[in-house]
Full PDB file with SEQRES, HELIX, SHEET, SSBOND, CRYST1, ORIGX, SCALE, CONECT and MASTER records, all heavy atoms in Angstrom:
SEQRES   1 A   43  GLN THR LYS ASN ASN SER VAL PRO LEU SER CYS CYS LYS          
SEQRES   2 A   43  ALA ALA LEU SER ASN CYS THR GLY SER LEU THR ARG PRO          
SEQRES   3 A   43  MET ASP LEU TYR SER GLU GLY CYS GLU ALA LEU VAL VAL          
SEQRES   4 A   43  LYS LYS LEU GLN                                              
HELIX    1 AA1 LEU A    9  CYS A   11  5                                   3    
HELIX    2 AA2 PRO A   26  ASP A   28  5                                   3    
HELIX    3 AA3 GLU A   35  LEU A   42  1                                   8    
SSBOND   1 CYS A   12    CYS A   19                          1555   1555  2.15  
CRYST1    1.000    1.000    1.000  90.00  90.00  90.00 P 1           1          
ORIGX1      1.000000  0.000000  0.000000        0.00000                         
ORIGX2      0.000000  1.000000  0.000000        0.00000                         
ORIGX3      0.000000  0.000000  1.000000        0.00000                         
SCALE1      1.000000  0.000000  0.000000        0.00000                         
SCALE2      0.000000  1.000000  0.000000        0.00000                         
SCALE3      0.000000  0.000000  1.000000        0.00000                         
ATOM      1  N   GLN A   1       3.703   5.372  15.907  1.00  0.00           N  
ATOM      2  CA  GLN A   1       3.268   6.628  16.413  1.00  0.00           C  
ATOM      3  C   GLN A   1       1.812   6.947  16.099  1.00  0.00           C  
ATOM      4  O   GLN A   1       1.129   7.565  16.921  1.00  0.00           O  
ATOM      5  CB  GLN A   1       4.141   7.766  15.916  1.00  0.00           C  
ATOM      6  CG  GLN A   1       5.549   7.829  16.471  1.00  0.00           C  
ATOM      7  CD  GLN A   1       6.465   8.855  15.869  1.00  0.00           C  
ATOM      8  OE1 GLN A   1       6.186   9.410  14.822  1.00  0.00           O  
ATOM      9  NE2 GLN A   1       7.567   9.153  16.511  1.00  0.00           N  
ATOM     10  N   THR A   2       1.369   6.622  14.935  1.00  0.00           N  
ATOM     11  CA  THR A   2      -0.005   6.895  14.477  1.00  0.00           C  
ATOM     12  C   THR A   2      -1.036   6.048  15.222  1.00  0.00           C  
ATOM     13  O   THR A   2      -2.116   6.518  15.571  1.00  0.00           O  
ATOM     14  CB  THR A   2      -0.157   6.791  12.957  1.00  0.00           C  
ATOM     15  OG1 THR A   2       0.204   5.370  12.597  1.00  0.00           O  
ATOM     16  CG2 THR A   2       0.635   7.767  12.229  1.00  0.00           C  
ATOM     17  N   LYS A   3      -0.609   4.736  15.512  1.00  0.00           N  
ATOM     18  CA  LYS A   3      -1.562   3.876  16.278  1.00  0.00           C  
ATOM     19  C   LYS A   3      -2.920   3.716  15.655  1.00  0.00           C  
ATOM     20  O   LYS A   3      -3.885   3.577  16.377  1.00  0.00           O  
ATOM     21  CB  LYS A   3      -1.592   4.309  17.717  1.00  0.00           C  
ATOM     22  CG  LYS A   3      -0.214   4.350  18.422  1.00  0.00           C  
ATOM     23  CD  LYS A   3      -0.418   4.808  19.887  1.00  0.00           C  
ATOM     24  CE  LYS A   3       0.890   4.942  20.583  1.00  0.00           C  
ATOM     25  NZ  LYS A   3       0.786   5.413  21.971  1.00  0.00           N  
ATOM     26  N   ASN A   4      -2.984   3.785  14.327  1.00  0.00           N  
ATOM     27  CA  ASN A   4      -4.343   3.670  13.673  1.00  0.00           C  
ATOM     28  C   ASN A   4      -4.409   2.393  12.865  1.00  0.00           C  
ATOM     29  O   ASN A   4      -5.405   2.271  12.072  1.00  0.00           O  
ATOM     30  CB  ASN A   4      -4.713   4.896  12.935  1.00  0.00           C  
ATOM     31  CG  ASN A   4      -3.716   5.199  11.870  1.00  0.00           C  
ATOM     32  OD1 ASN A   4      -2.814   4.425  11.571  1.00  0.00           O  
ATOM     33  ND2 ASN A   4      -3.910   6.315  11.140  1.00  0.00           N  
ATOM     34  N   ASN A   5      -3.417   1.543  12.956  1.00  0.00           N  
ATOM     35  CA  ASN A   5      -3.421   0.230  12.282  1.00  0.00           C  
ATOM     36  C   ASN A   5      -3.640   0.452  10.802  1.00  0.00           C  
ATOM     37  O   ASN A   5      -4.370  -0.318  10.141  1.00  0.00           O  
ATOM     38  CB  ASN A   5      -4.474  -0.665  12.791  1.00  0.00           C  
ATOM     39  CG  ASN A   5      -4.302  -2.156  12.438  1.00  0.00           C  
ATOM     40  OD1 ASN A   5      -3.124  -2.619  12.377  1.00  0.00           O  
ATOM     41  ND2 ASN A   5      -5.299  -2.858  12.175  1.00  0.00           N  
ATOM     42  N   SER A   6      -2.994   1.420  10.237  1.00  0.00           N  
ATOM     43  CA  SER A   6      -3.150   1.657   8.669  1.00  0.00           C  
ATOM     44  C   SER A   6      -1.801   2.048   8.112  1.00  0.00           C  
ATOM     45  O   SER A   6      -0.825   2.519   8.839  1.00  0.00           O  
ATOM     46  CB  SER A   6      -4.153   2.807   8.467  1.00  0.00           C  
ATOM     47  OG  SER A   6      -3.711   3.967   9.051  1.00  0.00           O  
ATOM     48  N   VAL A   7      -1.705   1.877   6.839  1.00  0.00           N  
ATOM     49  CA  VAL A   7      -0.494   2.178   6.130  1.00  0.00           C  
ATOM     50  C   VAL A   7      -0.791   3.479   5.320  1.00  0.00           C  
ATOM     51  O   VAL A   7      -1.948   3.885   5.191  1.00  0.00           O  
ATOM     52  CB  VAL A   7      -0.116   1.029   5.184  1.00  0.00           C  
ATOM     53  CG1 VAL A   7       0.250  -0.167   5.908  1.00  0.00           C  
ATOM     54  CG2 VAL A   7      -1.220   0.743   4.223  1.00  0.00           C  
ATOM     55  N   PRO A   8       0.233   4.125   4.701  1.00  0.00           N  
ATOM     56  CA  PRO A   8      -0.037   5.347   3.909  1.00  0.00           C  
ATOM     57  C   PRO A   8      -0.918   5.069   2.777  1.00  0.00           C  
ATOM     58  O   PRO A   8      -1.099   3.943   2.205  1.00  0.00           O  
ATOM     59  CB  PRO A   8       1.365   5.662   3.348  1.00  0.00           C  
ATOM     60  CG  PRO A   8       2.362   5.104   4.367  1.00  0.00           C  
ATOM     61  CD  PRO A   8       1.637   3.832   4.837  1.00  0.00           C  
ATOM     62  N   LEU A   9      -1.759   6.159   2.380  1.00  0.00           N  
ATOM     63  CA  LEU A   9      -2.760   5.964   1.308  1.00  0.00           C  
ATOM     64  C   LEU A   9      -2.098   5.628   0.044  1.00  0.00           C  
ATOM     65  O   LEU A   9      -2.793   5.155  -0.949  1.00  0.00           O  
ATOM     66  CB  LEU A   9      -3.544   7.371   1.219  1.00  0.00           C  
ATOM     67  CG  LEU A   9      -4.355   7.686   2.443  1.00  0.00           C  
ATOM     68  CD1 LEU A   9      -5.087   9.013   2.236  1.00  0.00           C  
ATOM     69  CD2 LEU A   9      -5.413   6.548   2.744  1.00  0.00           C  
ATOM     70  N   SER A  10      -0.815   5.885  -0.150  1.00  0.00           N  
ATOM     71  CA  SER A  10      -0.095   5.621  -1.390  1.00  0.00           C  
ATOM     72  C   SER A  10      -0.073   4.043  -1.579  1.00  0.00           C  
ATOM     73  O   SER A  10       0.232   3.586  -2.742  1.00  0.00           O  
ATOM     74  CB  SER A  10       1.335   6.103  -1.415  1.00  0.00           C  
ATOM     75  OG  SER A  10       2.046   5.719  -0.237  1.00  0.00           O  
ATOM     76  N   CYS A  11      -0.359   3.290  -0.550  1.00  0.00           N  
ATOM     77  CA  CYS A  11      -0.446   1.864  -0.669  1.00  0.00           C  
ATOM     78  C   CYS A  11      -1.742   1.406  -1.278  1.00  0.00           C  
ATOM     79  O   CYS A  11      -1.842   0.170  -1.648  1.00  0.00           O  
ATOM     80  CB  CYS A  11      -0.268   1.177   0.771  1.00  0.00           C  
ATOM     81  SG  CYS A  11       1.524   1.175   1.302  1.00  0.00           S  
ATOM     82  N   CYS A  12      -2.741   2.271  -1.330  1.00  0.00           N  
ATOM     83  CA  CYS A  12      -4.073   1.837  -1.827  1.00  0.00           C  
ATOM     84  C   CYS A  12      -4.028   1.665  -3.379  1.00  0.00           C  
ATOM     85  O   CYS A  12      -3.406   2.393  -4.003  1.00  0.00           O  
ATOM     86  CB  CYS A  12      -5.071   2.937  -1.444  1.00  0.00           C  
ATOM     87  SG  CYS A  12      -5.386   3.166   0.338  1.00  0.00           S  
ATOM     88  N   LYS A  13      -4.797   0.688  -3.726  1.00  0.00           N  
ATOM     89  CA  LYS A  13      -4.895   0.450  -5.139  1.00  0.00           C  
ATOM     90  C   LYS A  13      -5.614   1.571  -5.902  1.00  0.00           C  
ATOM     91  O   LYS A  13      -6.588   2.124  -5.297  1.00  0.00           O  
ATOM     92  CB  LYS A  13      -5.677  -0.866  -5.448  1.00  0.00           C  
ATOM     93  CG  LYS A  13      -5.033  -2.081  -4.908  1.00  0.00           C  
ATOM     94  CD  LYS A  13      -5.834  -3.382  -5.148  1.00  0.00           C  
ATOM     95  CE  LYS A  13      -5.116  -4.581  -4.609  1.00  0.00           C  
ATOM     96  NZ  LYS A  13      -5.960  -5.856  -4.815  1.00  0.00           N  
ATOM     97  N   ALA A  14      -5.048   1.967  -7.046  1.00  0.00           N  
ATOM     98  CA  ALA A  14      -5.475   3.201  -7.700  1.00  0.00           C  
ATOM     99  C   ALA A  14      -6.951   3.145  -8.110  1.00  0.00           C  
ATOM    100  O   ALA A  14      -7.686   4.252  -8.167  1.00  0.00           O  
ATOM    101  CB  ALA A  14      -4.617   3.397  -8.927  1.00  0.00           C  
ATOM    102  N   ALA A  15      -7.472   1.980  -8.283  1.00  0.00           N  
ATOM    103  CA  ALA A  15      -8.866   1.810  -8.692  1.00  0.00           C  
ATOM    104  C   ALA A  15      -9.927   2.075  -7.626  1.00  0.00           C  
ATOM    105  O   ALA A  15     -11.055   2.265  -7.833  1.00  0.00           O  
ATOM    106  CB  ALA A  15      -9.141   0.487  -9.349  1.00  0.00           C  
ATOM    107  N   LEU A  16      -9.386   2.050  -6.331  1.00  0.00           N  
ATOM    108  CA  LEU A  16     -10.284   2.209  -5.205  1.00  0.00           C  
ATOM    109  C   LEU A  16     -10.277   3.692  -4.755  1.00  0.00           C  
ATOM    110  O   LEU A  16      -9.227   4.309  -4.573  1.00  0.00           O  
ATOM    111  CB  LEU A  16      -9.821   1.317  -4.061  1.00  0.00           C  
ATOM    112  CG  LEU A  16      -9.830  -0.206  -4.449  1.00  0.00           C  
ATOM    113  CD1 LEU A  16      -9.269  -0.938  -3.208  1.00  0.00           C  
ATOM    114  CD2 LEU A  16     -11.176  -0.698  -4.774  1.00  0.00           C  
ATOM    115  N   SER A  17     -11.519   4.246  -4.517  1.00  0.00           N  
ATOM    116  CA  SER A  17     -11.652   5.650  -4.111  1.00  0.00           C  
ATOM    117  C   SER A  17     -11.892   5.765  -2.564  1.00  0.00           C  
ATOM    118  O   SER A  17     -11.684   6.805  -1.989  1.00  0.00           O  
ATOM    119  CB  SER A  17     -12.744   6.304  -4.875  1.00  0.00           C  
ATOM    120  OG  SER A  17     -13.902   5.632  -4.722  1.00  0.00           O  
ATOM    121  N   ASN A  18     -12.377   4.622  -1.951  1.00  0.00           N  
ATOM    122  CA  ASN A  18     -12.757   4.748  -0.536  1.00  0.00           C  
ATOM    123  C   ASN A  18     -11.729   3.978   0.388  1.00  0.00           C  
ATOM    124  O   ASN A  18     -12.066   3.660   1.472  1.00  0.00           O  
ATOM    125  CB  ASN A  18     -14.142   4.101  -0.359  1.00  0.00           C  
ATOM    126  CG  ASN A  18     -14.204   2.652  -0.831  1.00  0.00           C  
ATOM    127  OD1 ASN A  18     -13.338   2.232  -1.551  1.00  0.00           O  
ATOM    128  ND2 ASN A  18     -15.290   2.035  -0.456  1.00  0.00           N  
ATOM    129  N   CYS A  19     -10.534   3.807  -0.094  1.00  0.00           N  
ATOM    130  CA  CYS A  19      -9.504   3.070   0.609  1.00  0.00           C  
ATOM    131  C   CYS A  19      -8.941   4.020   1.723  1.00  0.00           C  
ATOM    132  O   CYS A  19      -8.598   5.173   1.348  1.00  0.00           O  
ATOM    133  CB  CYS A  19      -8.383   2.581  -0.311  1.00  0.00           C  
ATOM    134  SG  CYS A  19      -7.005   1.768   0.568  1.00  0.00           S  
ATOM    135  N   THR A  20      -8.759   3.507   2.910  1.00  0.00           N  
ATOM    136  CA  THR A  20      -8.245   4.289   4.040  1.00  0.00           C  
ATOM    137  C   THR A  20      -6.892   3.816   4.428  1.00  0.00           C  
ATOM    138  O   THR A  20      -6.193   4.353   5.370  1.00  0.00           O  
ATOM    139  CB  THR A  20      -9.094   4.258   5.240  1.00  0.00           C  
ATOM    140  OG1 THR A  20      -9.299   2.828   5.740  1.00  0.00           O  
ATOM    141  CG2 THR A  20     -10.569   4.825   4.909  1.00  0.00           C  
ATOM    142  N   GLY A  21      -6.361   2.779   3.767  1.00  0.00           N  
ATOM    143  CA  GLY A  21      -5.029   2.171   4.160  1.00  0.00           C  
ATOM    144  C   GLY A  21      -5.135   1.260   5.395  1.00  0.00           C  
ATOM    145  O   GLY A  21      -3.997   0.837   5.831  1.00  0.00           O  
ATOM    146  N   SER A  22      -6.343   0.900   5.831  1.00  0.00           N  
ATOM    147  CA  SER A  22      -6.456   0.061   7.046  1.00  0.00           C  
ATOM    148  C   SER A  22      -5.966  -1.364   6.713  1.00  0.00           C  
ATOM    149  O   SER A  22      -6.256  -1.903   5.647  1.00  0.00           O  
ATOM    150  CB  SER A  22      -7.892   0.003   7.452  1.00  0.00           C  
ATOM    151  OG  SER A  22      -8.024  -0.850   8.538  1.00  0.00           O  
ATOM    152  N   LEU A  23      -5.239  -1.865   7.704  1.00  0.00           N  
ATOM    153  CA  LEU A  23      -4.752  -3.264   7.523  1.00  0.00           C  
ATOM    154  C   LEU A  23      -5.784  -4.274   7.789  1.00  0.00           C  
ATOM    155  O   LEU A  23      -5.550  -5.523   7.531  1.00  0.00           O  
ATOM    156  CB  LEU A  23      -3.549  -3.510   8.565  1.00  0.00           C  
ATOM    157  CG  LEU A  23      -2.294  -2.815   8.169  1.00  0.00           C  
ATOM    158  CD1 LEU A  23      -1.184  -3.092   9.342  1.00  0.00           C  
ATOM    159  CD2 LEU A  23      -1.697  -3.162   6.883  1.00  0.00           C  
ATOM    160  N   THR A  24      -6.944  -3.838   8.182  1.00  0.00           N  
ATOM    161  CA  THR A  24      -8.129  -4.748   8.299  1.00  0.00           C  
ATOM    162  C   THR A  24      -8.679  -5.096   6.970  1.00  0.00           C  
ATOM    163  O   THR A  24      -9.522  -6.020   6.793  1.00  0.00           O  
ATOM    164  CB  THR A  24      -9.205  -4.177   9.197  1.00  0.00           C  
ATOM    165  OG1 THR A  24      -9.667  -2.933   8.619  1.00  0.00           O  
ATOM    166  CG2 THR A  24      -8.651  -3.907  10.621  1.00  0.00           C  
ATOM    167  N   ARG A  25      -8.307  -4.358   5.879  1.00  0.00           N  
ATOM    168  CA  ARG A  25      -8.782  -4.557   4.578  1.00  0.00           C  
ATOM    169  C   ARG A  25      -7.597  -4.698   3.644  1.00  0.00           C  
ATOM    170  O   ARG A  25      -7.204  -3.846   2.785  1.00  0.00           O  
ATOM    171  CB  ARG A  25      -9.711  -3.465   4.007  1.00  0.00           C  
ATOM    172  CG  ARG A  25     -10.960  -3.430   4.810  1.00  0.00           C  
ATOM    173  CD  ARG A  25     -11.933  -2.310   4.224  1.00  0.00           C  
ATOM    174  NE  ARG A  25     -12.182  -2.506   2.811  1.00  0.00           N  
ATOM    175  CZ  ARG A  25     -13.105  -3.277   2.336  1.00  0.00           C  
ATOM    176  NH1 ARG A  25     -13.920  -3.953   3.146  1.00  0.00           N  
ATOM    177  NH2 ARG A  25     -13.360  -3.406   1.024  1.00  0.00           N  
ATOM    178  N   PRO A  26      -6.794  -5.767   3.767  1.00  0.00           N  
ATOM    179  CA  PRO A  26      -5.501  -5.915   2.975  1.00  0.00           C  
ATOM    180  C   PRO A  26      -5.786  -6.072   1.463  1.00  0.00           C  
ATOM    181  O   PRO A  26      -4.917  -5.877   0.687  1.00  0.00           O  
ATOM    182  CB  PRO A  26      -5.008  -7.271   3.556  1.00  0.00           C  
ATOM    183  CG  PRO A  26      -6.115  -8.064   4.120  1.00  0.00           C  
ATOM    184  CD  PRO A  26      -6.983  -6.856   4.708  1.00  0.00           C  
ATOM    185  N   MET A  27      -7.107  -6.461   1.132  1.00  0.00           N  
ATOM    186  CA  MET A  27      -7.410  -6.545  -0.294  1.00  0.00           C  
ATOM    187  C   MET A  27      -7.398  -5.219  -0.977  1.00  0.00           C  
ATOM    188  O   MET A  27      -7.352  -5.242  -2.283  1.00  0.00           O  
ATOM    189  CB  MET A  27      -8.749  -7.333  -0.505  1.00  0.00           C  
ATOM    190  CG  MET A  27      -9.967  -6.488  -0.022  1.00  0.00           C  
ATOM    191  SD  MET A  27     -10.162  -6.294   1.723  1.00  0.00           S  
ATOM    192  CE  MET A  27     -10.392  -8.042   2.230  1.00  0.00           C  
ATOM    193  N   ASP A  28      -7.487  -4.110  -0.283  1.00  0.00           N  
ATOM    194  CA  ASP A  28      -7.488  -2.822  -0.800  1.00  0.00           C  
ATOM    195  C   ASP A  28      -6.038  -2.270  -1.079  1.00  0.00           C  
ATOM    196  O   ASP A  28      -5.882  -1.265  -1.708  1.00  0.00           O  
ATOM    197  CB  ASP A  28      -8.156  -1.810   0.121  1.00  0.00           C  
ATOM    198  CG  ASP A  28      -9.637  -2.083   0.194  1.00  0.00           C  
ATOM    199  OD1 ASP A  28     -10.220  -2.861  -0.582  1.00  0.00           O  
ATOM    200  OD2 ASP A  28     -10.347  -1.542   1.153  1.00  0.00           O  
ATOM    201  N   LEU A  29      -5.084  -3.022  -0.572  1.00  0.00           N  
ATOM    202  CA  LEU A  29      -3.649  -2.570  -0.657  1.00  0.00           C  
ATOM    203  C   LEU A  29      -2.808  -3.355  -1.700  1.00  0.00           C  
ATOM    204  O   LEU A  29      -3.170  -4.466  -1.997  1.00  0.00           O  
ATOM    205  CB  LEU A  29      -2.939  -2.666   0.709  1.00  0.00           C  
ATOM    206  CG  LEU A  29      -3.805  -2.115   1.927  1.00  0.00           C  
ATOM    207  CD1 LEU A  29      -3.027  -2.537   3.224  1.00  0.00           C  
ATOM    208  CD2 LEU A  29      -3.864  -0.695   1.799  1.00  0.00           C  
ATOM    209  N   TYR A  30      -1.719  -2.677  -2.220  1.00  0.00           N  
ATOM    210  CA  TYR A  30      -0.863  -3.358  -3.103  1.00  0.00           C  
ATOM    211  C   TYR A  30      -0.134  -4.474  -2.336  1.00  0.00           C  
ATOM    212  O   TYR A  30       0.311  -4.245  -1.205  1.00  0.00           O  
ATOM    213  CB  TYR A  30       0.175  -2.360  -3.678  1.00  0.00           C  
ATOM    214  CG  TYR A  30      -0.434  -1.352  -4.555  1.00  0.00           C  
ATOM    215  CD1 TYR A  30      -0.244   0.008  -4.294  1.00  0.00           C  
ATOM    216  CD2 TYR A  30      -1.105  -1.698  -5.753  1.00  0.00           C  
ATOM    217  CE1 TYR A  30      -0.799   1.022  -5.159  1.00  0.00           C  
ATOM    218  CE2 TYR A  30      -1.702  -0.736  -6.617  1.00  0.00           C  
ATOM    219  CZ  TYR A  30      -1.502   0.607  -6.264  1.00  0.00           C  
ATOM    220  OH  TYR A  30      -2.019   1.536  -7.146  1.00  0.00           O  
ATOM    221  N   SER A  31      -0.086  -5.658  -2.841  1.00  0.00           N  
ATOM    222  CA  SER A  31       0.455  -6.738  -2.151  1.00  0.00           C  
ATOM    223  C   SER A  31       1.957  -6.940  -2.388  1.00  0.00           C  
ATOM    224  O   SER A  31       2.655  -7.565  -1.498  1.00  0.00           O  
ATOM    225  CB  SER A  31      -0.164  -8.077  -2.509  1.00  0.00           C  
ATOM    226  OG  SER A  31      -0.110  -8.281  -3.977  1.00  0.00           O  
ATOM    227  N   GLU A  32       2.490  -6.340  -3.455  1.00  0.00           N  
ATOM    228  CA  GLU A  32       3.901  -6.607  -3.779  1.00  0.00           C  
ATOM    229  C   GLU A  32       4.746  -5.475  -3.091  1.00  0.00           C  
ATOM    230  O   GLU A  32       4.366  -4.348  -2.982  1.00  0.00           O  
ATOM    231  CB  GLU A  32       4.113  -6.490  -5.278  1.00  0.00           C  
ATOM    232  CG  GLU A  32       5.452  -6.915  -5.709  1.00  0.00           C  
ATOM    233  CD  GLU A  32       5.522  -7.153  -7.223  1.00  0.00           C  
ATOM    234  OE1 GLU A  32       4.478  -6.916  -7.943  1.00  0.00           O  
ATOM    235  OE2 GLU A  32       6.564  -7.521  -7.711  1.00  0.00           O  
ATOM    236  N   GLY A  33       5.915  -5.917  -2.650  1.00  0.00           N  
ATOM    237  CA  GLY A  33       6.830  -4.926  -1.963  1.00  0.00           C  
ATOM    238  C   GLY A  33       7.516  -4.099  -2.938  1.00  0.00           C  
ATOM    239  O   GLY A  33       7.658  -4.386  -4.161  1.00  0.00           O  
ATOM    240  N   CYS A  34       8.127  -3.013  -2.463  1.00  0.00           N  
ATOM    241  CA  CYS A  34       8.790  -2.041  -3.347  1.00  0.00           C  
ATOM    242  C   CYS A  34      10.240  -2.240  -3.682  1.00  0.00           C  
ATOM    243  O   CYS A  34      10.772  -1.859  -4.762  1.00  0.00           O  
ATOM    244  CB  CYS A  34       8.601  -0.610  -2.706  1.00  0.00           C  
ATOM    245  SG  CYS A  34       6.917   0.023  -2.717  1.00  0.00           S  
ATOM    246  N   GLU A  35      10.958  -2.926  -2.738  1.00  0.00           N  
ATOM    247  CA  GLU A  35      12.347  -3.127  -2.934  1.00  0.00           C  
ATOM    248  C   GLU A  35      12.723  -3.761  -4.282  1.00  0.00           C  
ATOM    249  O   GLU A  35      13.504  -3.215  -5.075  1.00  0.00           O  
ATOM    250  CB  GLU A  35      12.940  -3.919  -1.779  1.00  0.00           C  
ATOM    251  CG  GLU A  35      14.526  -4.070  -1.912  1.00  0.00           C  
ATOM    252  CD  GLU A  35      15.042  -4.844  -0.826  1.00  0.00           C  
ATOM    253  OE1 GLU A  35      14.271  -5.357   0.128  1.00  0.00           O  
ATOM    254  OE2 GLU A  35      16.347  -4.907  -0.708  1.00  0.00           O  
ATOM    255  N   ALA A  36      11.997  -4.926  -4.555  1.00  0.00           N  
ATOM    256  CA  ALA A  36      12.299  -5.595  -5.826  1.00  0.00           C  
ATOM    257  C   ALA A  36      12.011  -4.787  -7.028  1.00  0.00           C  
ATOM    258  O   ALA A  36      12.752  -4.758  -8.039  1.00  0.00           O  
ATOM    259  CB  ALA A  36      11.639  -6.972  -5.808  1.00  0.00           C  
ATOM    260  N   LEU A  37      10.935  -4.037  -6.940  1.00  0.00           N  
ATOM    261  CA  LEU A  37      10.455  -3.227  -8.011  1.00  0.00           C  
ATOM    262  C   LEU A  37      11.382  -2.023  -8.331  1.00  0.00           C  
ATOM    263  O   LEU A  37      11.663  -1.662  -9.491  1.00  0.00           O  
ATOM    264  CB  LEU A  37       9.072  -2.765  -7.874  1.00  0.00           C  
ATOM    265  CG  LEU A  37       8.032  -3.892  -7.818  1.00  0.00           C  
ATOM    266  CD1 LEU A  37       6.629  -3.288  -7.596  1.00  0.00           C  
ATOM    267  CD2 LEU A  37       7.903  -4.688  -9.166  1.00  0.00           C  
ATOM    268  N   VAL A  38      11.856  -1.442  -7.257  1.00  0.00           N  
ATOM    269  CA  VAL A  38      12.884  -0.321  -7.336  1.00  0.00           C  
ATOM    270  C   VAL A  38      14.151  -0.871  -7.994  1.00  0.00           C  
ATOM    271  O   VAL A  38      14.665  -0.141  -8.920  1.00  0.00           O  
ATOM    272  CB  VAL A  38      13.118   0.377  -5.954  1.00  0.00           C  
ATOM    273  CG1 VAL A  38      14.315   1.308  -6.094  1.00  0.00           C  
ATOM    274  CG2 VAL A  38      11.853   1.044  -5.475  1.00  0.00           C  
ATOM    275  N   VAL A  39      14.621  -1.958  -7.461  1.00  0.00           N  
ATOM    276  CA  VAL A  39      15.899  -2.530  -8.075  1.00  0.00           C  
ATOM    277  C   VAL A  39      15.682  -2.794  -9.522  1.00  0.00           C  
ATOM    278  O   VAL A  39      16.500  -2.447 -10.393  1.00  0.00           O  
ATOM    279  CB  VAL A  39      16.230  -3.861  -7.376  1.00  0.00           C  
ATOM    280  CG1 VAL A  39      17.320  -4.540  -8.068  1.00  0.00           C  
ATOM    281  CG2 VAL A  39      16.726  -3.523  -5.934  1.00  0.00           C  
ATOM    282  N   LYS A  40      14.511  -3.422  -9.894  1.00  0.00           N  
ATOM    283  CA  LYS A  40      14.206  -3.723 -11.288  1.00  0.00           C  
ATOM    284  C   LYS A  40      14.145  -2.414 -12.216  1.00  0.00           C  
ATOM    285  O   LYS A  40      14.690  -2.415 -13.237  1.00  0.00           O  
ATOM    286  CB  LYS A  40      12.929  -4.472 -11.359  1.00  0.00           C  
ATOM    287  CG  LYS A  40      12.552  -4.940 -12.815  1.00  0.00           C  
ATOM    288  CD  LYS A  40      11.210  -5.616 -12.829  1.00  0.00           C  
ATOM    289  CE  LYS A  40      10.804  -5.924 -14.259  1.00  0.00           C  
ATOM    290  NZ  LYS A  40       9.404  -6.663 -14.300  1.00  0.00           N  
ATOM    291  N   LYS A  41      13.509  -1.450 -11.647  1.00  0.00           N  
ATOM    292  CA  LYS A  41      13.421  -0.127 -12.362  1.00  0.00           C  
ATOM    293  C   LYS A  41      14.842   0.438 -12.642  1.00  0.00           C  
ATOM    294  O   LYS A  41      15.149   0.841 -13.753  1.00  0.00           O  
ATOM    295  CB  LYS A  41      12.513   0.782 -11.631  1.00  0.00           C  
ATOM    296  CG  LYS A  41      12.303   2.101 -12.307  1.00  0.00           C  
ATOM    297  CD  LYS A  41      11.438   1.954 -13.587  1.00  0.00           C  
ATOM    298  CE  LYS A  41      11.074   3.371 -14.231  1.00  0.00           C  
ATOM    299  NZ  LYS A  41      10.287   3.151 -15.397  1.00  0.00           N  
ATOM    300  N   LEU A  42      15.614   0.544 -11.581  1.00  0.00           N  
ATOM    301  CA  LEU A  42      16.891   1.149 -11.689  1.00  0.00           C  
ATOM    302  C   LEU A  42      17.851   0.362 -12.672  1.00  0.00           C  
ATOM    303  O   LEU A  42      18.631   0.865 -13.414  1.00  0.00           O  
ATOM    304  CB  LEU A  42      17.528   1.342 -10.357  1.00  0.00           C  
ATOM    305  CG  LEU A  42      16.772   2.218  -9.404  1.00  0.00           C  
ATOM    306  CD1 LEU A  42      17.542   2.247  -8.080  1.00  0.00           C  
ATOM    307  CD2 LEU A  42      16.749   3.686  -9.981  1.00  0.00           C  
ATOM    308  N   GLN A  43      17.701  -1.012 -12.611  1.00  0.00           N  
ATOM    309  CA  GLN A  43      18.477  -1.835 -13.486  1.00  0.00           C  
ATOM    310  C   GLN A  43      18.050  -1.635 -14.932  1.00  0.00           C  
ATOM    311  O   GLN A  43      18.869  -1.647 -15.837  1.00  0.00           O  
ATOM    312  CB  GLN A  43      18.399  -3.324 -13.116  1.00  0.00           C  
ATOM    313  CG  GLN A  43      19.130  -3.600 -11.798  1.00  0.00           C  
ATOM    314  CD  GLN A  43      19.056  -5.000 -11.353  1.00  0.00           C  
ATOM    315  OE1 GLN A  43      18.140  -5.739 -11.770  1.00  0.00           O  
ATOM    316  NE2 GLN A  43      20.014  -5.409 -10.528  1.00  0.00           N  
TER     317      GLN A  43                                                      
CONECT   87  134                                                                
CONECT  134   87                                                                
MASTER        0    0    0    3    0    0    0    6  316    1    2    4          
END                                                                             
């Protein structure tokens, strides 16, 4: 729906202040998925 080729800003690495969530700069985003981490946390 957004059609801006970006992910939520919550995906941006905390150390970066100018991150827009754009998929053209994947190095600015967290690379690990959340499912495994959520499972690990709950366990």
